[in-house]
N, C-alpha and C. Protein backbone atom coordinates (compact mmCIF):
# COMPACT_ATOMS: atom_id res chain seq x y z
N MET A 1 14.09 51.58 137.94
CA MET A 1 13.91 51.58 139.36
C MET A 1 12.67 50.77 139.76
N ARG A 2 12.76 50.11 140.84
CA ARG A 2 11.63 49.34 141.35
C ARG A 2 10.58 50.29 141.93
N LYS A 3 9.32 49.88 141.80
CA LYS A 3 8.21 50.68 142.28
C LYS A 3 8.06 50.50 143.79
N ILE A 4 7.82 51.60 144.49
CA ILE A 4 7.61 51.60 145.93
C ILE A 4 6.11 51.42 146.18
N LEU A 5 5.74 50.37 146.94
CA LEU A 5 4.34 50.13 147.28
C LEU A 5 3.94 50.84 148.54
N SER A 6 4.80 50.89 149.53
CA SER A 6 4.52 51.58 150.78
C SER A 6 5.78 52.15 151.36
N CYS A 7 5.59 53.22 152.11
CA CYS A 7 6.72 53.93 152.72
C CYS A 7 6.23 54.61 153.98
N GLU A 8 6.91 54.37 155.08
CA GLU A 8 6.55 55.07 156.31
C GLU A 8 7.74 55.13 157.26
N PHE A 9 7.68 56.12 158.16
CA PHE A 9 8.70 56.28 159.18
C PHE A 9 8.31 55.44 160.38
N ASN A 10 9.23 54.64 160.91
CA ASN A 10 9.00 53.84 162.09
C ASN A 10 9.79 54.48 163.24
N PRO A 11 9.08 55.17 164.16
CA PRO A 11 9.78 55.84 165.25
C PRO A 11 10.49 54.90 166.22
N ASP A 12 10.07 53.62 166.25
CA ASP A 12 10.72 52.67 167.17
C ASP A 12 12.14 52.31 166.69
N THR A 13 12.35 52.34 165.40
CA THR A 13 13.67 51.98 164.86
C THR A 13 14.41 53.20 164.30
N ALA A 14 13.72 54.33 164.19
CA ALA A 14 14.27 55.55 163.58
C ALA A 14 14.69 55.30 162.13
N CYS A 15 13.85 54.53 161.44
CA CYS A 15 14.10 54.17 160.04
C CYS A 15 12.87 54.50 159.19
N VAL A 16 13.12 54.86 157.95
CA VAL A 16 12.08 54.92 156.97
C VAL A 16 12.07 53.54 156.30
N GLU A 17 10.90 52.91 156.33
CA GLU A 17 10.78 51.56 155.84
C GLU A 17 9.99 51.53 154.55
N LEU A 18 10.52 50.80 153.56
CA LEU A 18 9.89 50.72 152.24
C LEU A 18 9.57 49.30 151.90
N CYS A 19 8.45 49.11 151.23
CA CYS A 19 8.09 47.82 150.64
C CYS A 19 8.02 48.05 149.15
N MET A 20 8.85 47.26 148.43
CA MET A 20 8.97 47.42 146.98
C MET A 20 8.02 46.45 146.26
N GLU A 21 7.74 46.75 145.01
CA GLU A 21 6.84 45.94 144.18
C GLU A 21 7.25 44.46 144.12
N ASP A 22 8.54 44.22 144.10
CA ASP A 22 9.02 42.84 144.00
C ASP A 22 9.09 42.10 145.33
N GLY A 23 8.58 42.73 146.40
CA GLY A 23 8.59 42.12 147.72
C GLY A 23 9.76 42.47 148.58
N THR A 24 10.72 43.21 148.03
CA THR A 24 11.89 43.62 148.78
C THR A 24 11.48 44.62 149.87
N LEU A 25 12.02 44.46 151.06
CA LEU A 25 11.82 45.42 152.14
C LEU A 25 13.12 46.15 152.37
N LEU A 26 13.06 47.46 152.38
CA LEU A 26 14.24 48.29 152.64
C LEU A 26 14.02 49.11 153.88
N SER A 27 15.07 49.35 154.62
CA SER A 27 15.02 50.18 155.79
C SER A 27 16.14 51.17 155.74
N ILE A 28 15.81 52.46 155.77
CA ILE A 28 16.84 53.52 155.73
C ILE A 28 17.04 54.03 157.13
N ASP A 29 18.23 53.86 157.65
CA ASP A 29 18.59 54.33 159.00
C ASP A 29 18.75 55.85 158.96
N CYS A 30 17.76 56.57 159.46
CA CYS A 30 17.76 58.03 159.38
C CYS A 30 18.87 58.67 160.20
N THR A 31 19.21 58.06 161.33
CA THR A 31 20.29 58.62 162.16
C THR A 31 21.62 58.51 161.41
N ALA A 32 21.87 57.41 160.79
CA ALA A 32 23.11 57.21 160.04
C ALA A 32 23.21 58.19 158.87
N VAL A 33 22.07 58.40 158.17
CA VAL A 33 22.06 59.36 157.07
C VAL A 33 22.35 60.74 157.57
N GLU A 34 21.70 61.16 158.65
CA GLU A 34 21.98 62.52 159.19
C GLU A 34 23.44 62.66 159.61
N ASN A 35 23.99 61.65 160.25
CA ASN A 35 25.40 61.72 160.63
C ASN A 35 26.33 61.83 159.45
N GLU A 36 25.94 61.28 158.33
CA GLU A 36 26.80 61.27 157.15
C GLU A 36 26.67 62.56 156.33
N VAL A 37 25.47 63.07 156.16
CA VAL A 37 25.29 64.18 155.19
C VAL A 37 24.92 65.54 155.80
N ALA A 38 24.40 65.57 157.02
CA ALA A 38 23.98 66.85 157.60
C ALA A 38 25.14 67.47 158.40
N ASN A 39 25.42 68.73 158.08
CA ASN A 39 26.55 69.45 158.72
C ASN A 39 26.11 70.48 159.72
N SER A 40 24.81 70.70 159.87
CA SER A 40 24.35 71.73 160.80
C SER A 40 22.98 71.35 161.33
N MET A 41 22.55 72.04 162.36
CA MET A 41 21.19 71.75 162.88
C MET A 41 20.13 72.10 161.87
N TYR A 42 20.41 73.04 160.98
CA TYR A 42 19.42 73.42 159.95
C TYR A 42 19.26 72.29 158.94
N GLN A 43 20.35 71.67 158.56
CA GLN A 43 20.26 70.54 157.62
C GLN A 43 19.57 69.36 158.29
N ARG A 44 19.88 69.09 159.54
CA ARG A 44 19.22 68.00 160.27
C ARG A 44 17.71 68.28 160.39
N SER A 45 17.39 69.51 160.63
CA SER A 45 15.99 69.90 160.74
C SER A 45 15.25 69.69 159.43
N GLU A 46 15.88 70.00 158.32
CA GLU A 46 15.28 69.79 157.00
C GLU A 46 15.04 68.30 156.76
N LEU A 47 16.03 67.47 157.06
CA LEU A 47 15.84 66.04 156.90
C LEU A 47 14.74 65.52 157.84
N ASP A 48 14.70 66.02 159.08
CA ASP A 48 13.64 65.59 159.99
C ASP A 48 12.28 65.96 159.47
N TRP A 49 12.16 67.14 158.88
CA TRP A 49 10.86 67.55 158.33
C TRP A 49 10.42 66.57 157.26
N LEU A 50 11.32 66.20 156.38
CA LEU A 50 10.99 65.25 155.32
C LEU A 50 10.60 63.89 155.92
N ILE A 51 11.35 63.42 156.86
CA ILE A 51 11.12 62.12 157.48
C ILE A 51 9.69 62.06 158.05
N TYR A 52 9.28 63.08 158.78
CA TYR A 52 7.99 63.06 159.44
C TYR A 52 6.82 63.46 158.53
N ASN A 53 7.07 64.32 157.56
CA ASN A 53 5.98 64.85 156.74
C ASN A 53 5.89 64.28 155.33
N ASP A 54 6.99 63.80 154.82
CA ASP A 54 7.00 63.26 153.45
C ASP A 54 8.06 62.17 153.32
N PRO A 55 7.85 61.06 154.01
CA PRO A 55 8.86 59.98 154.02
C PRO A 55 9.15 59.43 152.63
N LEU A 56 8.19 59.45 151.72
CA LEU A 56 8.44 58.97 150.35
C LEU A 56 9.47 59.86 149.66
N SER A 57 9.33 61.18 149.77
CA SER A 57 10.30 62.07 149.18
C SER A 57 11.66 61.91 149.81
N TYR A 58 11.70 61.67 151.13
CA TYR A 58 12.96 61.44 151.81
C TYR A 58 13.63 60.19 151.26
N ALA A 59 12.86 59.10 151.14
CA ALA A 59 13.40 57.84 150.63
C ALA A 59 13.91 58.01 149.19
N GLU A 60 13.14 58.69 148.36
CA GLU A 60 13.60 58.89 146.98
C GLU A 60 14.87 59.74 146.92
N LEU A 61 14.95 60.76 147.80
CA LEU A 61 16.16 61.59 147.86
C LEU A 61 17.38 60.75 148.25
N ILE A 62 17.23 59.93 149.24
CA ILE A 62 18.36 59.12 149.73
C ILE A 62 18.73 58.05 148.72
N LEU A 63 17.75 57.40 148.11
CA LEU A 63 18.05 56.30 147.18
C LEU A 63 18.46 56.80 145.79
N ASN A 64 17.94 57.90 145.33
CA ASN A 64 18.15 58.32 143.93
C ASN A 64 18.75 59.69 143.77
N GLY A 65 18.80 60.46 144.81
CA GLY A 65 19.24 61.85 144.69
C GLY A 65 20.61 62.10 145.26
N ASP A 66 20.88 63.36 145.46
CA ASP A 66 22.14 63.81 146.07
C ASP A 66 21.76 64.59 147.33
N PRO A 67 21.66 63.92 148.49
CA PRO A 67 21.18 64.61 149.69
C PRO A 67 22.09 65.77 150.11
N GLY A 68 23.39 65.67 149.87
CA GLY A 68 24.29 66.75 150.21
C GLY A 68 23.98 68.00 149.40
N LEU A 69 23.81 67.86 148.12
CA LEU A 69 23.46 68.99 147.26
C LEU A 69 22.10 69.56 147.61
N TYR A 70 21.14 68.68 147.87
CA TYR A 70 19.80 69.11 148.26
C TYR A 70 19.89 69.98 149.51
N LEU A 71 20.61 69.52 150.52
CA LEU A 71 20.70 70.27 151.78
C LEU A 71 21.39 71.61 151.59
N LYS A 72 22.42 71.68 150.76
CA LYS A 72 23.09 72.93 150.49
C LYS A 72 22.14 73.89 149.79
N THR A 73 21.23 73.39 148.98
CA THR A 73 20.29 74.22 148.23
C THR A 73 19.17 74.75 149.09
N VAL A 74 18.62 73.92 149.98
CA VAL A 74 17.42 74.31 150.72
C VAL A 74 17.70 74.93 152.08
N THR A 75 18.90 74.78 152.60
CA THR A 75 19.19 75.39 153.90
C THR A 75 20.22 76.51 153.72
N LYS A 76 19.91 77.59 154.41
CA LYS A 76 20.78 78.76 154.34
C LYS A 76 20.88 79.32 155.75
N TYR A 77 22.08 79.48 156.22
CA TYR A 77 22.28 80.02 157.57
C TYR A 77 22.95 81.37 157.44
N GLU A 78 22.34 82.36 158.07
CA GLU A 78 22.89 83.69 158.05
C GLU A 78 23.16 84.12 159.49
N HIS A 79 24.36 84.64 159.73
CA HIS A 79 24.69 85.13 161.06
C HIS A 79 23.95 86.43 161.33
N SER A 80 23.46 86.56 162.53
CA SER A 80 22.76 87.79 162.95
C SER A 80 23.77 88.71 163.60
N ASP A 81 23.75 89.96 163.22
CA ASP A 81 24.67 90.96 163.79
C ASP A 81 23.98 91.83 164.82
N ASP A 82 23.13 91.20 165.65
CA ASP A 82 22.35 91.99 166.65
C ASP A 82 23.25 92.46 167.75
């Protein structure tokens, strides 16, 4: 895998932008990713947290991981019987 030199969220484009060691620039469309892998507001919220607080982990998850499995693991929705 290529080394990531910089990674940040650009709110103007709604993309996480990466600069790789070899000069390659990558842009991850966060809206498109959410539309593809998030099935609930809880999953979207988890992705949003990563985007704003840890964009490098978000980028690595999207490029190298299984975002669907990750979201199923970290988000849990329970119905309230109030």
